[in-house]
Amino acid sequence: MGERTPLTPAAGPSGWHVWGHERAVADLQRAVAHGPRHAYILTGPERIGKRALAIEFARALICERPPAAGIPCGSCSRCRRVSRGVHPDVTIA
């Protein structure tokens, strides 16, 4: 299911490479399936997975071959480029 490095966790039960945050993942997966809103703000303490959640959301939004609605394949060109931080439509600050 895509390239995996020692720092990349295996996909969780949601199909995203994010552990915990079940409600946020479910909300974002629904957004992918039904069309996202204008903007999302992910807030919370440092080091709880906001960046990982945002990256998975971006991958799910632009995946070329999603196996199911809201789940990125992880192996298409777009998913791989987002994961590497080189997709031109995704900026990670």
PDB file of N, CA and C in Angstrom:
ATOM      1  N   MET A   1       0.835  -1.185   0.000  1.00  0.00           N
ATOM      2  CA  MET A   1       0.000   0.000   0.000  1.00  0.00           C
ATOM      3  C   MET A   1       0.873   1.240   0.000  1.00  0.00           C
ATOM      4  N   GLY A   2       1.775   1.353  -0.866  1.00  0.00           N
ATOM      5  CA  GLY A   2       2.607   2.534  -0.925  1.00  0.00           C
ATOM      6  C   GLY A   2       3.945   2.326  -0.250  1.00  0.00           C
ATOM      7  N   GLU A   3       4.806   3.293  -0.468  1.00  0.00           N
ATOM      8  CA  GLU A   3       6.131   3.219   0.129  1.00  0.00           C
ATOM      9  C   GLU A   3       6.033   3.448   1.624  1.00  0.00           C
ATOM     10  N   ARG A   4       6.757   2.659   2.384  1.00  0.00           N
ATOM     11  CA  ARG A   4       6.743   2.780   3.831  1.00  0.00           C
ATOM     12  C   ARG A   4       8.176   2.800   4.324  1.00  0.00           C
ATOM     13  N   THR A   5       8.494   3.789   5.115  1.00  0.00           N
ATOM     14  CA  THR A   5       9.819   3.895   5.696  1.00  0.00           C
ATOM     15  C   THR A   5       9.700   3.554   7.173  1.00  0.00           C
ATOM     16  N   PRO A   6      10.807   3.381   7.885  1.00  0.00           N
ATOM     17  CA  PRO A   6      10.716   3.099   9.318  1.00  0.00           C
ATOM     18  C   PRO A   6       9.988   4.186  10.098  1.00  0.00           C
ATOM     19  N   LEU A   7       9.932   5.410   9.564  1.00  0.00           N
ATOM     20  CA  LEU A   7       9.253   6.499  10.253  1.00  0.00           C
ATOM     21  C   LEU A   7       7.795   6.635   9.849  1.00  0.00           C
ATOM     22  N   THR A   8       7.354   5.859   8.865  1.00  0.00           N
ATOM     23  CA  THR A   8       5.971   5.917   8.412  1.00  0.00           C
ATOM     24  C   THR A   8       5.189   4.794   9.081  1.00  0.00           C
ATOM     25  N   PRO A   9       4.199   5.131   9.909  1.00  0.00           N
ATOM     26  CA  PRO A   9       3.436   4.075  10.559  1.00  0.00           C
ATOM     27  C   PRO A   9       2.576   3.325   9.557  1.00  0.00           C
ATOM     28  N   ALA A  10       2.249   2.105   9.887  1.00  0.00           N
ATOM     29  CA  ALA A  10       1.328   1.339   9.062  1.00  0.00           C
ATOM     30  C   ALA A  10      -0.034   2.009   9.121  1.00  0.00           C
ATOM     31  N   ALA A  11      -0.836   1.764   8.117  1.00  0.00           N
ATOM     32  CA  ALA A  11      -2.176   2.349   8.109  1.00  0.00           C
ATOM     33  C   ALA A  11      -2.978   1.809   9.281  1.00  0.00           C
ATOM     34  N   GLY A  12      -3.710   2.718   9.914  1.00  0.00           N
ATOM     35  CA  GLY A  12      -4.551   2.335  11.044  1.00  0.00           C
ATOM     36  C   GLY A  12      -5.867   1.753  10.552  1.00  0.00           C
ATOM     37  N   PRO A  13      -6.788   1.516  11.465  1.00  0.00           N
ATOM     38  CA  PRO A  13      -8.076   0.933  11.101  1.00  0.00           C
ATOM     39  C   PRO A  13      -8.865   1.774  10.098  1.00  0.00           C
ATOM     40  N   SER A  14      -8.597   3.074  10.052  1.00  0.00           N
ATOM     41  CA  SER A  14      -9.305   3.973   9.145  1.00  0.00           C
ATOM     42  C   SER A  14      -8.774   3.898   7.715  1.00  0.00           C
ATOM     43  N   GLY A  15      -7.619   3.253   7.527  1.00  0.00           N
ATOM     44  CA  GLY A  15      -6.969   3.247   6.226  1.00  0.00           C
ATOM     45  C   GLY A  15      -5.980   4.385   6.061  1.00  0.00           C
ATOM     46  N   TRP A  16      -5.910   5.279   7.043  1.00  0.00           N
ATOM     47  CA  TRP A  16      -4.964   6.394   7.025  1.00  0.00           C
ATOM     48  C   TRP A  16      -3.769   6.047   7.896  1.00  0.00           C
ATOM     49  N   HIS A  17      -2.639   6.639   7.610  1.00  0.00           N
ATOM     50  CA  HIS A  17      -1.432   6.445   8.404  1.00  0.00           C
ATOM     51  C   HIS A  17      -1.442   7.393   9.599  1.00  0.00           C
ATOM     52  N   VAL A  18      -2.509   7.312  10.369  1.00  0.00           N
ATOM     53  CA  VAL A  18      -2.711   8.146  11.545  1.00  0.00           C
ATOM     54  C   VAL A  18      -3.301   7.255  12.630  1.00  0.00           C
ATOM     55  N   TRP A  19      -2.746   7.313  13.802  1.00  0.00           N
ATOM     56  CA  TRP A  19      -3.293   6.541  14.925  1.00  0.00           C
ATOM     57  C   TRP A  19      -3.982   7.495  15.882  1.00  0.00           C
ATOM     58  N   GLY A  20      -5.132   7.083  16.371  1.00  0.00           N
ATOM     59  CA  GLY A  20      -5.932   7.962  17.208  1.00  0.00           C
ATOM     60  C   GLY A  20      -6.695   8.927  16.321  1.00  0.00           C
ATOM     61  N   HIS A  21      -7.242   9.954  16.878  1.00  0.00           N
ATOM     62  CA  HIS A  21      -7.954  10.989  16.127  1.00  0.00           C
ATOM     63  C   HIS A  21      -9.095  10.410  15.287  1.00  0.00           C
ATOM     64  N   GLU A  22      -9.766   9.373  15.807  1.00  0.00           N
ATOM     65  CA  GLU A  22     -10.787   8.680  15.029  1.00  0.00           C
ATOM     66  C   GLU A  22     -11.880   9.624  14.536  1.00  0.00           C
ATOM     67  N   ARG A  23     -12.330  10.524  15.401  1.00  0.00           N
ATOM     68  CA  ARG A  23     -13.404  11.433  15.004  1.00  0.00           C
ATOM     69  C   ARG A  23     -12.933  12.390  13.909  1.00  0.00           C
ATOM     70  N   ALA A  24     -11.742  12.940  14.063  1.00  0.00           N
ATOM     71  CA  ALA A  24     -11.212  13.856  13.053  1.00  0.00           C
ATOM     72  C   ALA A  24     -11.019  13.132  11.722  1.00  0.00           C
ATOM     73  N   VAL A  25     -10.492  11.923  11.763  1.00  0.00           N
ATOM     74  CA  VAL A  25     -10.299  11.148  10.531  1.00  0.00           C
ATOM     75  C   VAL A  25     -11.642  10.887   9.869  1.00  0.00           C
ATOM     76  N   ALA A  26     -12.634  10.472  10.640  1.00  0.00           N
ATOM     77  CA  ALA A  26     -13.961  10.201  10.076  1.00  0.00           C
ATOM     78  C   ALA A  26     -14.556  11.460   9.451  1.00  0.00           C
ATOM     79  N   ASP A  27     -14.417  12.603  10.127  1.00  0.00           N
ATOM     80  CA  ASP A  27     -14.933  13.866   9.582  1.00  0.00           C
ATOM     81  C   ASP A  27     -14.229  14.231   8.281  1.00  0.00           C
ATOM     82  N   LEU A  28     -12.918  14.077   8.242  1.00  0.00           N
ATOM     83  CA  LEU A  28     -12.160  14.427   7.042  1.00  0.00           C
ATOM     84  C   LEU A  28     -12.427  13.437   5.909  1.00  0.00           C
ATOM     85  N   GLN A  29     -12.621  12.168   6.233  1.00  0.00           N
ATOM     86  CA  GLN A  29     -12.962  11.194   5.195  1.00  0.00           C
ATOM     87  C   GLN A  29     -14.330  11.515   4.580  1.00  0.00           C
ATOM     88  N   ARG A  30     -15.281  11.938   5.417  1.00  0.00           N
ATOM     89  CA  ARG A  30     -16.587  12.362   4.889  1.00  0.00           C
ATOM     90  C   ARG A  30     -16.422  13.576   3.978  1.00  0.00           C
ATOM     91  N   ALA A  31     -15.538  14.494   4.359  1.00  0.00           N
ATOM     92  CA  ALA A  31     -15.292  15.676   3.531  1.00  0.00           C
ATOM     93  C   ALA A  31     -14.739  15.277   2.168  1.00  0.00           C
ATOM     94  N   VAL A  32     -13.875  14.292   2.137  1.00  0.00           N
ATOM     95  CA  VAL A  32     -13.323  13.820   0.863  1.00  0.00           C
ATOM     96  C   VAL A  32     -14.441  13.219   0.018  1.00  0.00           C
ATOM     97  N   ALA A  33     -15.278  12.418   0.633  1.00  0.00           N
ATOM     98  CA  ALA A  33     -16.347  11.743  -0.099  1.00  0.00           C
ATOM     99  C   ALA A  33     -17.415  12.707  -0.609  1.00  0.00           C
ATOM    100  N   HIS A  34     -17.707  13.751   0.150  1.00  0.00           N
ATOM    101  CA  HIS A  34     -18.807  14.652  -0.203  1.00  0.00           C
ATOM    102  C   HIS A  34     -18.348  16.010  -0.706  1.00  0.00           C
ATOM    103  N   GLY A  35     -17.061  16.244  -0.759  1.00  0.00           N
ATOM    104  CA  GLY A  35     -16.534  17.532  -1.213  1.00  0.00           C
ATOM    105  C   GLY A  35     -16.100  18.366  -0.023  1.00  0.00           C
ATOM    106  N   PRO A  36     -14.842  18.780  -0.023  1.00  0.00           N
ATOM    107  CA  PRO A  36     -14.324  19.536   1.122  1.00  0.00           C
ATOM    108  C   PRO A  36     -14.866  20.956   1.171  1.00  0.00           C
ATOM    109  N   ARG A  37     -14.812  21.520   2.345  1.00  0.00           N
ATOM    110  CA  ARG A  37     -15.178  22.928   2.529  1.00  0.00           C
ATOM    111  C   ARG A  37     -13.990  23.790   2.114  1.00  0.00           C
ATOM    112  N   HIS A  38     -14.123  25.071   2.311  1.00  0.00           N
ATOM    113  CA  HIS A  38     -13.087  26.014   1.881  1.00  0.00           C
ATOM    114  C   HIS A  38     -11.765  25.818   2.613  1.00  0.00           C
ATOM    115  N   ALA A  39     -11.810  25.622   3.937  1.00  0.00           N
ATOM    116  CA  ALA A  39     -10.573  25.517   4.712  1.00  0.00           C
ATOM    117  C   ALA A  39     -10.809  24.711   5.982  1.00  0.00           C
ATOM    118  N   TYR A  40      -9.750  24.149   6.505  1.00  0.00           N
ATOM    119  CA  TYR A  40      -9.788  23.401   7.759  1.00  0.00           C
ATOM    120  C   TYR A  40      -8.652  23.898   8.639  1.00  0.00           C
ATOM    121  N   ILE A  41      -8.916  24.003   9.926  1.00  0.00           N
ATOM    122  CA  ILE A  41      -7.880  24.387  10.884  1.00  0.00           C
ATOM    123  C   ILE A  41      -7.700  23.207  11.832  1.00  0.00           C
ATOM    124  N   LEU A  42      -6.493  22.691  11.875  1.00  0.00           N
ATOM    125  CA  LEU A  42      -6.168  21.591  12.782  1.00  0.00           C
ATOM    126  C   LEU A  42      -5.386  22.190  13.946  1.00  0.00           C
ATOM    127  N   THR A  43      -5.956  22.162  15.134  1.00  0.00           N
ATOM    128  CA  THR A  43      -5.309  22.762  16.293  1.00  0.00           C
ATOM    129  C   THR A  43      -5.127  21.735  17.395  1.00  0.00           C
ATOM    130  N   GLY A  44      -4.249  22.058  18.315  1.00  0.00           N
ATOM    131  CA  GLY A  44      -4.017  21.198  19.465  1.00  0.00           C
ATOM    132  C   GLY A  44      -2.576  21.317  19.916  1.00  0.00           C
ATOM    133  N   PRO A  45      -2.239  20.586  20.969  1.00  0.00           N
ATOM    134  CA  PRO A  45      -0.867  20.618  21.485  1.00  0.00           C
ATOM    135  C   PRO A  45       0.134  20.131  20.438  1.00  0.00           C
ATOM    136  N   GLU A  46       1.389  20.451  20.672  1.00  0.00           N
ATOM    137  CA  GLU A  46       2.454  19.994  19.782  1.00  0.00           C
ATOM    138  C   GLU A  46       2.579  18.473  19.820  1.00  0.00           C
ATOM    139  N   ARG A  47       3.013  17.922  18.682  1.00  0.00           N
ATOM    140  CA  ARG A  47       3.401  16.514  18.559  1.00  0.00           C
ATOM    141  C   ARG A  47       2.261  15.524  18.835  1.00  0.00           C
ATOM    142  N   ILE A  48       1.042  15.870  18.397  1.00  0.00           N
ATOM    143  CA  ILE A  48      -0.063  14.913  18.569  1.00  0.00           C
ATOM    144  C   ILE A  48      -0.531  14.329  17.245  1.00  0.00           C
ATOM    145  N   GLY A  49       0.098  14.743  16.136  1.00  0.00           N
ATOM    146  CA  GLY A  49      -0.239  14.160  14.847  1.00  0.00           C
ATOM    147  C   GLY A  49      -1.014  15.055  13.902  1.00  0.00           C
ATOM    148  N   LYS A  50      -1.012  16.351  14.143  1.00  0.00           N
ATOM    149  CA  LYS A  50      -1.744  17.264  13.257  1.00  0.00           C
ATOM    150  C   LYS A  50      -1.157  17.238  11.842  1.00  0.00           C
ATOM    151  N   ARG A  51       0.150  17.236  11.742  1.00  0.00           N
ATOM    152  CA  ARG A  51       0.806  17.209  10.433  1.00  0.00           C
ATOM    153  C   ARG A  51       0.482  15.908   9.701  1.00  0.00           C
ATOM    154  N   ALA A  52       0.567  14.782  10.390  1.00  0.00           N
ATOM    155  CA  ALA A  52       0.251  13.495   9.770  1.00  0.00           C
ATOM    156  C   ALA A  52      -1.200  13.468   9.298  1.00  0.00           C
ATOM    157  N   LEU A  53      -2.092  14.016  10.100  1.00  0.00           N
ATOM    158  CA  LEU A  53      -3.505  14.075   9.741  1.00  0.00           C
ATOM    159  C   LEU A  53      -3.698  14.934   8.490  1.00  0.00           C
ATOM    160  N   ALA A  54      -3.036  16.075   8.435  1.00  0.00           N
ATOM    161  CA  ALA A  54      -3.152  16.965   7.276  1.00  0.00           C
ATOM    162  C   ALA A  54      -2.583  16.313   6.012  1.00  0.00           C
ATOM    163  N   ILE A  55      -1.474  15.611   6.149  1.00  0.00           N
ATOM    164  CA  ILE A  55      -0.865  14.950   4.996  1.00  0.00           C
ATOM    165  C   ILE A  55      -1.780  13.851   4.467  1.00  0.00           C
ATOM    166  N   GLU A  56      -2.359  13.070   5.349  1.00  0.00           N
ATOM    167  CA  GLU A  56      -3.279  12.014   4.908  1.00  0.00           C
ATOM    168  C   GLU A  56      -4.522  12.606   4.260  1.00  0.00           C
ATOM    169  N   PHE A  57      -5.005  13.722   4.792  1.00  0.00           N
ATOM    170  CA  PHE A  57      -6.153  14.402   4.197  1.00  0.00           C
ATOM    171  C   PHE A  57      -5.811  14.852   2.775  1.00  0.00           C
ATOM    172  N   ALA A  58      -4.643  15.452   2.608  1.00  0.00           N
ATOM    173  CA  ALA A  58      -4.209  15.895   1.276  1.00  0.00           C
ATOM    174  C   ALA A  58      -4.095  14.710   0.328  1.00  0.00           C
ATOM    175  N   ARG A  59      -3.498  13.621   0.795  1.00  0.00           N
ATOM    176  CA  ARG A  59      -3.367  12.428  -0.059  1.00  0.00           C
ATOM    177  C   ARG A  59      -4.739  11.902  -0.455  1.00  0.00           C
ATOM    178  N   ALA A  60      -5.674  11.858   0.497  1.00  0.00           N
ATOM    179  CA  ALA A  60      -7.016  11.356   0.200  1.00  0.00           C
ATOM    180  C   ALA A  60      -7.730  12.256  -0.811  1.00  0.00           C
ATOM    181  N   LEU A  61      -7.504  13.560  -0.723  1.00  0.00           N
ATOM    182  CA  LEU A  61      -8.166  14.486  -1.634  1.00  0.00           C
ATOM    183  C   LEU A  61      -7.675  14.356  -3.074  1.00  0.00           C
ATOM    184  N   ILE A  62      -6.394  14.092  -3.272  1.00  0.00           N
ATOM    185  CA  ILE A  62      -5.856  14.117  -4.636  1.00  0.00           C
ATOM    186  C   ILE A  62      -5.415  12.755  -5.163  1.00  0.00           C
ATOM    187  N   CYS A  63      -5.685  11.696  -4.434  1.00  0.00           N
ATOM    188  CA  CYS A  63      -5.295  10.344  -4.861  1.00  0.00           C
ATOM    189  C   CYS A  63      -5.907  10.007  -6.219  1.00  0.00           C
ATOM    190  N   GLU A  64      -5.105   9.391  -7.075  1.00  0.00           N
ATOM    191  CA  GLU A  64      -5.562   8.992  -8.411  1.00  0.00           C
ATOM    192  C   GLU A  64      -6.373   7.710  -8.391  1.00  0.00           C
ATOM    193  N   ARG A  65      -6.081   6.818  -7.447  1.00  0.00           N
ATOM    194  CA  ARG A  65      -6.736   5.500  -7.423  1.00  0.00           C
ATOM    195  C   ARG A  65      -7.174   5.120  -6.007  1.00  0.00           C
ATOM    196  N   PRO A  66      -8.070   5.879  -5.398  1.00  0.00           N
ATOM    197  CA  PRO A  66      -8.474   5.532  -4.031  1.00  0.00           C
ATOM    198  C   PRO A  66      -9.190   4.178  -3.991  1.00  0.00           C
ATOM    199  N   PRO A  67      -8.799   3.296  -3.082  1.00  0.00           N
ATOM    200  CA  PRO A  67      -9.469   1.992  -2.977  1.00  0.00           C
ATOM    201  C   PRO A  67     -10.891   2.122  -2.442  1.00  0.00           C
ATOM    202  N   ALA A  68     -11.166   3.197  -1.734  1.00  0.00           N
ATOM    203  CA  ALA A  68     -12.500   3.498  -1.213  1.00  0.00           C
ATOM    204  C   ALA A  68     -12.567   5.003  -0.986  1.00  0.00           C
ATOM    205  N   ALA A  69     -13.767   5.524  -0.899  1.00  0.00           N
ATOM    206  CA  ALA A  69     -13.922   6.968  -0.708  1.00  0.00           C
ATOM    207  C   ALA A  69     -13.211   7.416   0.566  1.00  0.00           C
ATOM    208  N   GLY A  70     -12.364   8.428   0.443  1.00  0.00           N
ATOM    209  CA  GLY A  70     -11.678   8.983   1.602  1.00  0.00           C
ATOM    210  C   GLY A  70     -10.434   8.247   2.036  1.00  0.00           C
ATOM    211  N   ILE A  71     -10.006   7.259   1.261  1.00  0.00           N
ATOM    212  CA  ILE A  71      -8.804   6.493   1.617  1.00  0.00           C
ATOM    213  C   ILE A  71      -7.807   6.582   0.468  1.00  0.00           C
ATOM    214  N   PRO A  72      -6.623   7.155   0.711  1.00  0.00           N
ATOM    215  CA  PRO A  72      -5.633   7.239  -0.358  1.00  0.00           C
ATOM    216  C   PRO A  72      -4.991   5.878  -0.616  1.00  0.00           C
ATOM    217  N   CYS A  73      -4.622   5.635  -1.879  1.00  0.00           N
ATOM    218  CA  CYS A  73      -3.996   4.354  -2.211  1.00  0.00           C
ATOM    219  C   CYS A  73      -2.581   4.269  -1.655  1.00  0.00           C
ATOM    220  N   GLY A  74      -1.899   5.409  -1.591  1.00  0.00           N
ATOM    221  CA  GLY A  74      -0.540   5.428  -1.074  1.00  0.00           C
ATOM    222  C   GLY A  74       0.515   5.049  -2.081  1.00  0.00           C
ATOM    223  N   SER A  75       0.110   4.587  -3.274  1.00  0.00           N
ATOM    224  CA  SER A  75       1.111   4.139  -4.235  1.00  0.00           C
ATOM    225  C   SER A  75       1.088   4.905  -5.554  1.00  0.00           C
ATOM    226  N   CYS A  76       0.052   5.681  -5.801  1.00  0.00           N
ATOM    227  CA  CYS A  76       0.023   6.448  -7.053  1.00  0.00           C
ATOM    228  C   CYS A  76       1.033   7.591  -6.975  1.00  0.00           C
ATOM    229  N   SER A  77       1.289   8.193  -8.111  1.00  0.00           N
ATOM    230  CA  SER A  77       2.260   9.279  -8.190  1.00  0.00           C
ATOM    231  C   SER A  77       1.906  10.430  -7.256  1.00  0.00           C
ATOM    232  N   ARG A  78       0.645  10.802  -7.208  1.00  0.00           N
ATOM    233  CA  ARG A  78       0.238  11.918  -6.358  1.00  0.00           C
ATOM    234  C   ARG A  78       0.439  11.604  -4.884  1.00  0.00           C
ATOM    235  N   CYS A  79       0.031  10.426  -4.452  1.00  0.00           N
ATOM    236  CA  CYS A  79       0.211  10.039  -3.040  1.00  0.00           C
ATOM    237  C   CYS A  79       1.681  10.037  -2.658  1.00  0.00           C
ATOM    238  N   ARG A  80       2.516   9.485  -3.525  1.00  0.00           N
ATOM    239  CA  ARG A  80       3.946   9.417  -3.225  1.00  0.00           C
ATOM    240  C   ARG A  80       4.564  10.813  -3.159  1.00  0.00           C
ATOM    241  N   ARG A  81       4.161  11.701  -4.069  1.00  0.00           N
ATOM    242  CA  ARG A  81       4.716  13.056  -4.060  1.00  0.00           C
ATOM    243  C   ARG A  81       4.284  13.837  -2.823  1.00  0.00           C
ATOM    244  N   VAL A  82       3.032  13.666  -2.397  1.00  0.00           N
ATOM    245  CA  VAL A  82       2.588  14.328  -1.161  1.00  0.00           C
ATOM    246  C   VAL A  82       3.387  13.789   0.015  1.00  0.00           C
ATOM    247  N   SER A  83       3.562  12.489   0.084  1.00  0.00           N
ATOM    248  CA  SER A  83       4.310  11.875   1.188  1.00  0.00           C
ATOM    249  C   SER A  83       5.747  12.377   1.244  1.00  0.00           C
ATOM    250  N   ARG A  84       6.354  12.599   0.079  1.00  0.00           N
ATOM    251  CA  ARG A  84       7.730  13.088   0.025  1.00  0.00           C
ATOM    252  C   ARG A  84       7.822  14.596   0.197  1.00  0.00           C
ATOM    253  N   GLY A  85       6.666  15.280   0.203  1.00  0.00           N
ATOM    254  CA  GLY A  85       6.666  16.730   0.358  1.00  0.00           C
ATOM    255  C   GLY A  85       7.019  17.486  -0.896  1.00  0.00           C
ATOM    256  N   VAL A  86       6.803  16.882  -2.061  1.00  0.00           N
ATOM    257  CA  VAL A  86       7.173  17.534  -3.319  1.00  0.00           C
ATOM    258  C   VAL A  86       6.001  17.726  -4.260  1.00  0.00           C
ATOM    259  N   HIS A  87       4.782  17.523  -3.814  1.00  0.00           N
ATOM    260  CA  HIS A  87       3.632  17.748  -4.701  1.00  0.00           C
ATOM    261  C   HIS A  87       3.419  19.254  -4.849  1.00  0.00           C
ATOM    262  N   PRO A  88       3.267  19.757  -6.082  1.00  0.00           N
ATOM    263  CA  PRO A  88       3.165  21.200  -6.266  1.00  0.00           C
ATOM    264  C   PRO A  88       1.895  21.829  -5.681  1.00  0.00           C
ATOM    265  N   ASP A  89       0.862  21.046  -5.441  1.00  0.00           N
ATOM    266  CA  ASP A  89      -0.378  21.590  -4.898  1.00  0.00           C
ATOM    267  C   ASP A  89      -0.490  21.494  -3.389  1.00  0.00           C
ATOM    268  N   VAL A  90       0.519  20.934  -2.733  1.00  0.00           N
ATOM    269  CA  VAL A  90       0.474  20.752  -1.282  1.00  0.00           C
ATOM    270  C   VAL A  90       1.703  21.417  -0.671  1.00  0.00           C
ATOM    271  N   THR A  91       1.453  22.380   0.198  1.00  0.00           N
ATOM    272  CA  THR A  91       2.530  23.080   0.889  1.00  0.00           C
ATOM    273  C   THR A  91       2.524  22.682   2.357  1.00  0.00           C
ATOM    274  N   ILE A  92       3.647  22.229   2.838  1.00  0.00           N
ATOM    275  CA  ILE A  92       3.785  21.846   4.241  1.00  0.00           C
ATOM    276  C   ILE A  92       4.694  22.884   4.902  1.00  0.00           C
ATOM    277  N   ALA A  93       4.125  23.620   5.828  1.00  0.00           N
ATOM    278  CA  ALA A  93       4.887  24.677   6.492  1.00  0.00           C
ATOM    279  C   ALA A  93       5.293  24.269   7.898  1.00  0.00           C
TER     280      ALA A  93
END
